[in-house]
Amino acid sequence: MASYRHLYVHCVWGTWDRLPLITPVIAPPLYAGLMAKCRALGCVPMVIGGMPDHVHMLIEFSATITIARLIGEIKGASSHLMTHAIAPSTPFKWQGSYGAFTLSKRSVPQIQRYIENQKHHHADGTTLFDLETMTDE
């Protein structure tokens, strides 16, 4: 019997102390690294976006990996990439916590637009608090 599944998660996490470390120069190679690690873990990165102090990713994830492992490995690999290849002279690390929100297939387009328009939402104050939360606090 064949399996059919579409599992989507919107993930968000910040830089250490929410420092604005993700500059316009750093963002493209950092985002590419995040997406590459996601694919290496058997997941599909659908969209990525963010601000200088945090990142959002919409991922179609595999049933063979936990969200905690997925995010942990993506964050670990990207930190290593930052400190060894992209910006070795700039101290970089992610905060320990993250937010992860599962969603239905019909919600995917709305969340994709939200992530793609992060700069606009932050500039005009239209962020959605629940989708910007990275801890249970």
N, C-alpha and C. Protein backbone atom coordinates (compact mmCIF):
# COMPACT_ATOMS: atom_id res chain seq x y z
N MET A 1 0.84 -1.18 0.00
CA MET A 1 0.00 0.00 0.00
C MET A 1 0.89 1.24 0.00
N ALA A 2 0.65 2.13 -0.90
CA ALA A 2 1.44 3.36 -1.00
C ALA A 2 0.99 4.37 0.05
N SER A 3 1.94 5.13 0.53
CA SER A 3 1.64 6.17 1.52
C SER A 3 1.45 7.50 0.81
N TYR A 4 0.55 8.30 1.34
CA TYR A 4 0.33 9.63 0.81
C TYR A 4 0.36 10.59 1.99
N ARG A 5 1.22 11.57 1.91
CA ARG A 5 1.28 12.52 3.01
C ARG A 5 1.81 13.86 2.50
N HIS A 6 1.29 14.88 3.07
CA HIS A 6 1.78 16.24 2.86
C HIS A 6 1.85 16.85 4.25
N LEU A 7 3.05 16.97 4.77
CA LEU A 7 3.26 17.48 6.11
C LEU A 7 4.01 18.80 5.99
N TYR A 8 3.40 19.87 6.46
CA TYR A 8 3.98 21.20 6.31
C TYR A 8 4.24 21.81 7.68
N VAL A 9 5.38 22.47 7.80
CA VAL A 9 5.70 23.16 9.04
C VAL A 9 6.31 24.52 8.71
N HIS A 10 5.83 25.53 9.41
CA HIS A 10 6.38 26.89 9.32
C HIS A 10 7.29 27.03 10.53
N CYS A 11 8.57 27.24 10.28
CA CYS A 11 9.56 27.34 11.35
C CYS A 11 10.12 28.75 11.40
N VAL A 12 10.40 29.20 12.60
CA VAL A 12 11.00 30.53 12.78
C VAL A 12 11.99 30.45 13.94
N TRP A 13 13.15 31.05 13.73
CA TRP A 13 14.13 31.12 14.81
C TRP A 13 14.98 32.37 14.62
N GLY A 14 15.59 32.80 15.70
CA GLY A 14 16.32 34.06 15.68
C GLY A 14 17.80 33.90 15.89
N THR A 15 18.51 34.97 15.62
CA THR A 15 19.93 35.02 15.91
C THR A 15 20.12 35.18 17.42
N TRP A 16 21.32 34.89 17.88
CA TRP A 16 21.62 35.01 19.30
C TRP A 16 21.35 36.43 19.78
N ASP A 17 20.61 36.55 20.85
CA ASP A 17 20.23 37.85 21.42
C ASP A 17 19.51 38.74 20.41
N ARG A 18 18.97 38.12 19.36
CA ARG A 18 18.26 38.85 18.30
C ARG A 18 19.12 39.96 17.68
N LEU A 19 20.41 39.69 17.60
CA LEU A 19 21.32 40.65 16.96
C LEU A 19 21.07 40.66 15.45
N PRO A 20 21.19 41.82 14.80
CA PRO A 20 20.93 41.92 13.36
C PRO A 20 22.13 41.41 12.53
N LEU A 21 22.35 40.11 12.57
CA LEU A 21 23.52 39.51 11.93
C LEU A 21 23.31 39.10 10.48
N ILE A 22 22.05 39.03 10.06
CA ILE A 22 21.76 38.56 8.70
C ILE A 22 21.64 39.78 7.79
N THR A 23 22.76 40.18 7.25
CA THR A 23 22.81 41.36 6.39
C THR A 23 22.37 40.99 4.98
N PRO A 24 22.11 41.99 4.14
CA PRO A 24 21.74 41.69 2.75
C PRO A 24 22.82 40.90 2.00
N VAL A 25 24.07 41.05 2.38
CA VAL A 25 25.15 40.30 1.73
C VAL A 25 25.17 38.86 2.22
N ILE A 26 24.92 38.66 3.49
CA ILE A 26 24.98 37.33 4.11
C ILE A 26 23.73 36.51 3.81
N ALA A 27 22.58 37.14 3.71
CA ALA A 27 21.31 36.41 3.58
C ALA A 27 21.29 35.40 2.42
N PRO A 28 21.64 35.76 1.18
CA PRO A 28 21.53 34.78 0.09
C PRO A 28 22.34 33.49 0.31
N PRO A 29 23.64 33.58 0.67
CA PRO A 29 24.34 32.30 0.89
C PRO A 29 23.87 31.57 2.14
N LEU A 30 23.46 32.30 3.17
CA LEU A 30 22.93 31.66 4.37
C LEU A 30 21.63 30.92 4.04
N TYR A 31 20.72 31.58 3.34
CA TYR A 31 19.45 30.95 2.96
C TYR A 31 19.70 29.73 2.07
N ALA A 32 20.66 29.84 1.16
CA ALA A 32 20.99 28.70 0.29
C ALA A 32 21.48 27.52 1.13
N GLY A 33 22.29 27.80 2.14
CA GLY A 33 22.79 26.75 3.03
C GLY A 33 21.68 26.12 3.84
N LEU A 34 20.75 26.93 4.33
CA LEU A 34 19.60 26.41 5.08
C LEU A 34 18.78 25.47 4.20
N MET A 35 18.54 25.89 2.98
CA MET A 35 17.73 25.10 2.06
C MET A 35 18.45 23.81 1.66
N ALA A 36 19.76 23.89 1.45
CA ALA A 36 20.53 22.70 1.08
C ALA A 36 20.50 21.65 2.19
N LYS A 37 20.68 22.08 3.43
CA LYS A 37 20.65 21.14 4.55
C LYS A 37 19.25 20.54 4.69
N CYS A 38 18.24 21.33 4.50
CA CYS A 38 16.86 20.85 4.56
C CYS A 38 16.66 19.72 3.54
N ARG A 39 17.10 19.95 2.31
CA ARG A 39 16.99 18.92 1.26
C ARG A 39 17.80 17.68 1.62
N ALA A 40 19.00 17.88 2.18
CA ALA A 40 19.86 16.75 2.56
C ALA A 40 19.19 15.87 3.62
N LEU A 41 18.29 16.45 4.39
CA LEU A 41 17.56 15.71 5.42
C LEU A 41 16.27 15.10 4.90
N GLY A 42 16.07 15.17 3.58
CA GLY A 42 14.91 14.55 2.96
C GLY A 42 13.64 15.38 2.98
N CYS A 43 13.79 16.68 3.24
CA CYS A 43 12.64 17.57 3.30
C CYS A 43 12.68 18.54 2.12
N VAL A 44 11.57 19.22 1.89
CA VAL A 44 11.47 20.15 0.77
C VAL A 44 11.33 21.57 1.32
N PRO A 45 12.36 22.41 1.15
CA PRO A 45 12.22 23.81 1.56
C PRO A 45 11.35 24.53 0.53
N MET A 46 10.23 25.06 0.96
CA MET A 46 9.30 25.69 0.03
C MET A 46 9.55 27.18 -0.13
N VAL A 47 9.85 27.87 0.96
CA VAL A 47 10.14 29.30 0.91
C VAL A 47 10.92 29.66 2.16
N ILE A 48 11.77 30.65 2.02
CA ILE A 48 12.55 31.15 3.14
C ILE A 48 12.56 32.67 3.08
N GLY A 49 12.55 33.29 4.21
CA GLY A 49 12.58 34.74 4.29
C GLY A 49 12.87 35.16 5.72
N GLY A 50 13.03 36.42 5.92
CA GLY A 50 13.28 36.86 7.29
C GLY A 50 13.73 38.29 7.37
N MET A 51 14.32 38.57 8.49
CA MET A 51 14.79 39.90 8.83
C MET A 51 16.24 39.75 9.31
N PRO A 52 16.91 40.85 9.60
CA PRO A 52 18.30 40.74 10.06
C PRO A 52 18.48 39.92 11.34
N ASP A 53 17.40 39.75 12.11
CA ASP A 53 17.54 39.03 13.38
C ASP A 53 16.76 37.72 13.47
N HIS A 54 16.11 37.31 12.39
CA HIS A 54 15.41 36.02 12.42
C HIS A 54 15.10 35.51 11.02
N VAL A 55 14.77 34.21 10.96
CA VAL A 55 14.50 33.52 9.71
C VAL A 55 13.18 32.77 9.82
N HIS A 56 12.44 32.74 8.73
CA HIS A 56 11.23 31.91 8.59
C HIS A 56 11.47 30.92 7.46
N MET A 57 11.06 29.68 7.65
CA MET A 57 11.10 28.69 6.57
C MET A 57 9.79 27.93 6.56
N LEU A 58 9.26 27.72 5.37
CA LEU A 58 8.13 26.81 5.19
C LEU A 58 8.70 25.55 4.56
N ILE A 59 8.47 24.44 5.23
CA ILE A 59 9.09 23.18 4.84
C ILE A 59 8.02 22.10 4.71
N GLU A 60 8.10 21.34 3.62
CA GLU A 60 7.33 20.11 3.54
C GLU A 60 8.26 19.04 4.10
N PHE A 61 7.92 18.53 5.27
CA PHE A 61 8.86 17.65 5.93
C PHE A 61 8.47 16.19 5.78
N SER A 62 9.47 15.36 5.95
CA SER A 62 9.32 13.92 5.81
C SER A 62 8.80 13.31 7.10
N ALA A 63 8.09 12.23 6.99
CA ALA A 63 7.60 11.53 8.17
C ALA A 63 8.71 10.75 8.87
N THR A 64 9.91 10.77 8.29
CA THR A 64 11.02 10.01 8.88
C THR A 64 11.93 10.85 9.77
N ILE A 65 11.60 12.10 9.98
CA ILE A 65 12.43 12.97 10.80
C ILE A 65 11.54 13.77 11.76
N THR A 66 12.05 14.02 12.93
CA THR A 66 11.29 14.86 13.86
C THR A 66 11.57 16.32 13.55
N ILE A 67 10.66 17.17 13.93
CA ILE A 67 10.85 18.60 13.72
C ILE A 67 12.05 19.08 14.52
N ALA A 68 12.20 18.59 15.74
CA ALA A 68 13.34 19.00 16.58
C ALA A 68 14.67 18.66 15.90
N ARG A 69 14.78 17.47 15.34
CA ARG A 69 16.03 17.10 14.66
C ARG A 69 16.23 17.94 13.40
N LEU A 70 15.16 18.11 12.63
CA LEU A 70 15.24 18.91 11.41
C LEU A 70 15.76 20.32 11.71
N ILE A 71 15.15 21.00 12.65
CA ILE A 71 15.56 22.37 12.96
C ILE A 71 16.94 22.39 13.59
N GLY A 72 17.22 21.46 14.49
CA GLY A 72 18.54 21.40 15.12
C GLY A 72 19.65 21.23 14.10
N GLU A 73 19.44 20.33 13.16
CA GLU A 73 20.48 20.09 12.16
C GLU A 73 20.61 21.25 11.17
N ILE A 74 19.50 21.86 10.80
CA ILE A 74 19.55 23.02 9.90
C ILE A 74 20.30 24.17 10.58
N LYS A 75 19.96 24.43 11.84
CA LYS A 75 20.62 25.52 12.57
C LYS A 75 22.11 25.22 12.76
N GLY A 76 22.44 23.98 13.13
CA GLY A 76 23.84 23.62 13.34
C GLY A 76 24.67 23.73 12.08
N ALA A 77 24.15 23.21 10.98
CA ALA A 77 24.88 23.26 9.71
C ALA A 77 25.06 24.70 9.23
N SER A 78 24.02 25.51 9.41
CA SER A 78 24.13 26.89 8.93
C SER A 78 25.07 27.72 9.81
N SER A 79 25.10 27.45 11.10
CA SER A 79 26.07 28.14 11.97
C SER A 79 27.49 27.80 11.55
N HIS A 80 27.73 26.53 11.28
CA HIS A 80 29.05 26.09 10.82
C HIS A 80 29.40 26.77 9.50
N LEU A 81 28.46 26.80 8.58
CA LEU A 81 28.67 27.45 7.29
C LEU A 81 29.02 28.92 7.47
N MET A 82 28.28 29.59 8.34
CA MET A 82 28.53 31.03 8.58
C MET A 82 29.92 31.26 9.14
N THR A 83 30.32 30.49 10.14
CA THR A 83 31.58 30.76 10.83
C THR A 83 32.80 30.21 10.10
N HIS A 84 32.58 29.34 9.12
CA HIS A 84 33.72 28.77 8.39
C HIS A 84 33.81 29.18 6.93
N ALA A 85 32.72 29.63 6.33
CA ALA A 85 32.75 29.93 4.90
C ALA A 85 32.18 31.29 4.54
N ILE A 86 31.00 31.61 5.03
CA ILE A 86 30.33 32.83 4.59
C ILE A 86 30.92 34.07 5.24
N ALA A 87 31.06 34.05 6.56
CA ALA A 87 31.55 35.23 7.28
C ALA A 87 32.42 34.79 8.47
N PRO A 88 33.59 34.21 8.20
CA PRO A 88 34.41 33.67 9.28
C PRO A 88 34.86 34.71 10.31
N SER A 89 34.94 35.95 9.92
CA SER A 89 35.39 36.98 10.86
C SER A 89 34.26 37.56 11.71
N THR A 90 33.04 37.13 11.44
CA THR A 90 31.87 37.63 12.18
C THR A 90 31.36 36.54 13.11
N PRO A 91 31.34 36.79 14.41
CA PRO A 91 30.77 35.78 15.32
C PRO A 91 29.29 35.58 15.00
N PHE A 92 28.86 34.34 14.90
CA PHE A 92 27.48 34.06 14.54
C PHE A 92 26.99 32.83 15.28
N LYS A 93 25.78 32.93 15.81
CA LYS A 93 25.08 31.74 16.30
C LYS A 93 23.60 32.06 16.42
N TRP A 94 22.82 30.99 16.43
CA TRP A 94 21.38 31.10 16.56
C TRP A 94 20.98 31.01 18.03
N GLN A 95 19.82 31.57 18.36
CA GLN A 95 19.30 31.36 19.70
C GLN A 95 18.90 29.89 19.83
N GLY A 96 18.77 29.43 21.05
CA GLY A 96 18.48 28.02 21.27
C GLY A 96 17.06 27.61 20.93
N SER A 97 16.11 28.52 21.06
CA SER A 97 14.71 28.16 20.84
C SER A 97 14.30 28.37 19.38
N TYR A 98 13.10 27.90 19.08
CA TYR A 98 12.52 28.09 17.75
C TYR A 98 11.01 27.94 17.87
N GLY A 99 10.32 28.39 16.86
CA GLY A 99 8.88 28.16 16.76
C GLY A 99 8.63 27.22 15.59
N ALA A 100 7.67 26.33 15.73
CA ALA A 100 7.31 25.41 14.66
C ALA A 100 5.79 25.26 14.66
N PHE A 101 5.20 25.54 13.51
CA PHE A 101 3.75 25.55 13.39
C PHE A 101 3.34 24.66 12.23
N THR A 102 2.59 23.62 12.49
CA THR A 102 2.11 22.77 11.41
C THR A 102 0.92 23.46 10.74
N LEU A 103 0.73 23.15 9.47
CA LEU A 103 -0.38 23.76 8.75
C LEU A 103 -0.92 22.81 7.70
N SER A 104 -2.13 23.10 7.26
CA SER A 104 -2.78 22.29 6.24
C SER A 104 -2.29 22.71 4.85
N LYS A 105 -2.50 21.84 3.89
CA LYS A 105 -2.10 22.13 2.51
C LYS A 105 -2.79 23.40 2.00
N ARG A 106 -4.04 23.63 2.37
CA ARG A 106 -4.74 24.81 1.88
C ARG A 106 -4.20 26.11 2.48
N SER A 107 -3.47 26.03 3.60
CA SER A 107 -2.87 27.22 4.21
C SER A 107 -1.51 27.57 3.63
N VAL A 108 -0.93 26.68 2.85
CA VAL A 108 0.42 26.89 2.32
C VAL A 108 0.56 28.20 1.55
N PRO A 109 -0.32 28.54 0.60
CA PRO A 109 -0.14 29.79 -0.14
C PRO A 109 -0.12 31.04 0.76
N GLN A 110 -0.98 31.06 1.76
CA GLN A 110 -1.03 32.21 2.68
C GLN A 110 0.27 32.34 3.46
N ILE A 111 0.79 31.23 3.96
CA ILE A 111 2.04 31.28 4.73
C ILE A 111 3.21 31.59 3.81
N GLN A 112 3.20 31.08 2.59
CA GLN A 112 4.26 31.43 1.63
C GLN A 112 4.31 32.94 1.43
N ARG A 113 3.16 33.56 1.21
CA ARG A 113 3.11 35.01 1.01
C ARG A 113 3.60 35.75 2.25
N TYR A 114 3.20 35.26 3.42
CA TYR A 114 3.63 35.90 4.67
C TYR A 114 5.15 35.88 4.79
N ILE A 115 5.76 34.74 4.51
CA ILE A 115 7.22 34.62 4.61
C ILE A 115 7.91 35.46 3.54
N GLU A 116 7.41 35.43 2.32
CA GLU A 116 8.01 36.22 1.23
C GLU A 116 7.95 37.72 1.50
N ASN A 117 6.98 38.16 2.28
CA ASN A 117 6.78 39.59 2.54
C ASN A 117 7.17 40.01 3.95
N GLN A 118 8.15 39.34 4.53
CA GLN A 118 8.58 39.66 5.89
C GLN A 118 8.97 41.12 6.06
N LYS A 119 9.77 41.64 5.16
CA LYS A 119 10.22 43.03 5.31
C LYS A 119 9.04 44.00 5.31
N HIS A 120 8.08 43.78 4.45
CA HIS A 120 6.88 44.62 4.39
C HIS A 120 6.08 44.52 5.70
N HIS A 121 5.87 43.28 6.17
CA HIS A 121 5.09 43.10 7.40
C HIS A 121 5.76 43.77 8.60
N HIS A 122 7.07 43.66 8.68
CA HIS A 122 7.77 44.29 9.80
C HIS A 122 7.78 45.81 9.66
N ALA A 123 7.88 46.31 8.45
CA ALA A 123 7.92 47.76 8.24
C ALA A 123 6.59 48.42 8.56
N ASP A 124 5.50 47.76 8.20
CA ASP A 124 4.20 48.42 8.43
C ASP A 124 3.42 47.87 9.62
N GLY A 125 4.08 47.03 10.43
CA GLY A 125 3.44 46.55 11.65
C GLY A 125 2.34 45.53 11.45
N THR A 126 2.40 44.77 10.35
CA THR A 126 1.35 43.78 10.09
C THR A 126 1.83 42.35 10.33
N THR A 127 2.85 42.20 11.18
CA THR A 127 3.29 40.85 11.51
C THR A 127 2.19 40.15 12.31
N LEU A 128 2.17 38.85 12.22
CA LEU A 128 1.23 38.04 12.97
C LEU A 128 1.97 37.48 14.18
N PHE A 129 1.60 37.94 15.37
CA PHE A 129 2.34 37.59 16.58
C PHE A 129 2.58 36.10 16.70
N ASP A 130 1.55 35.29 16.49
CA ASP A 130 1.70 33.85 16.65
C ASP A 130 2.73 33.26 15.69
N LEU A 131 2.89 33.85 14.52
CA LEU A 131 3.85 33.32 13.55
C LEU A 131 5.25 33.89 13.72
N GLU A 132 5.41 34.82 14.63
CA GLU A 132 6.72 35.40 14.92
C GLU A 132 7.27 34.86 16.24
N THR A 133 6.49 34.06 16.95
CA THR A 133 6.87 33.56 18.26
C THR A 133 7.86 32.43 18.15
N MET A 134 8.92 32.51 18.95
CA MET A 134 9.95 31.49 18.90
C MET A 134 10.08 30.72 20.20
N THR A 135 9.25 31.03 21.19
CA THR A 135 9.26 30.31 22.46
C THR A 135 7.84 30.21 22.97
N ASP A 136 7.66 29.47 24.04
CA ASP A 136 6.34 29.34 24.67
C ASP A 136 6.03 30.49 25.60
N GLU A 137 6.94 31.42 25.74
CA GLU A 137 6.76 32.53 26.70
C GLU A 137 5.65 33.46 26.27
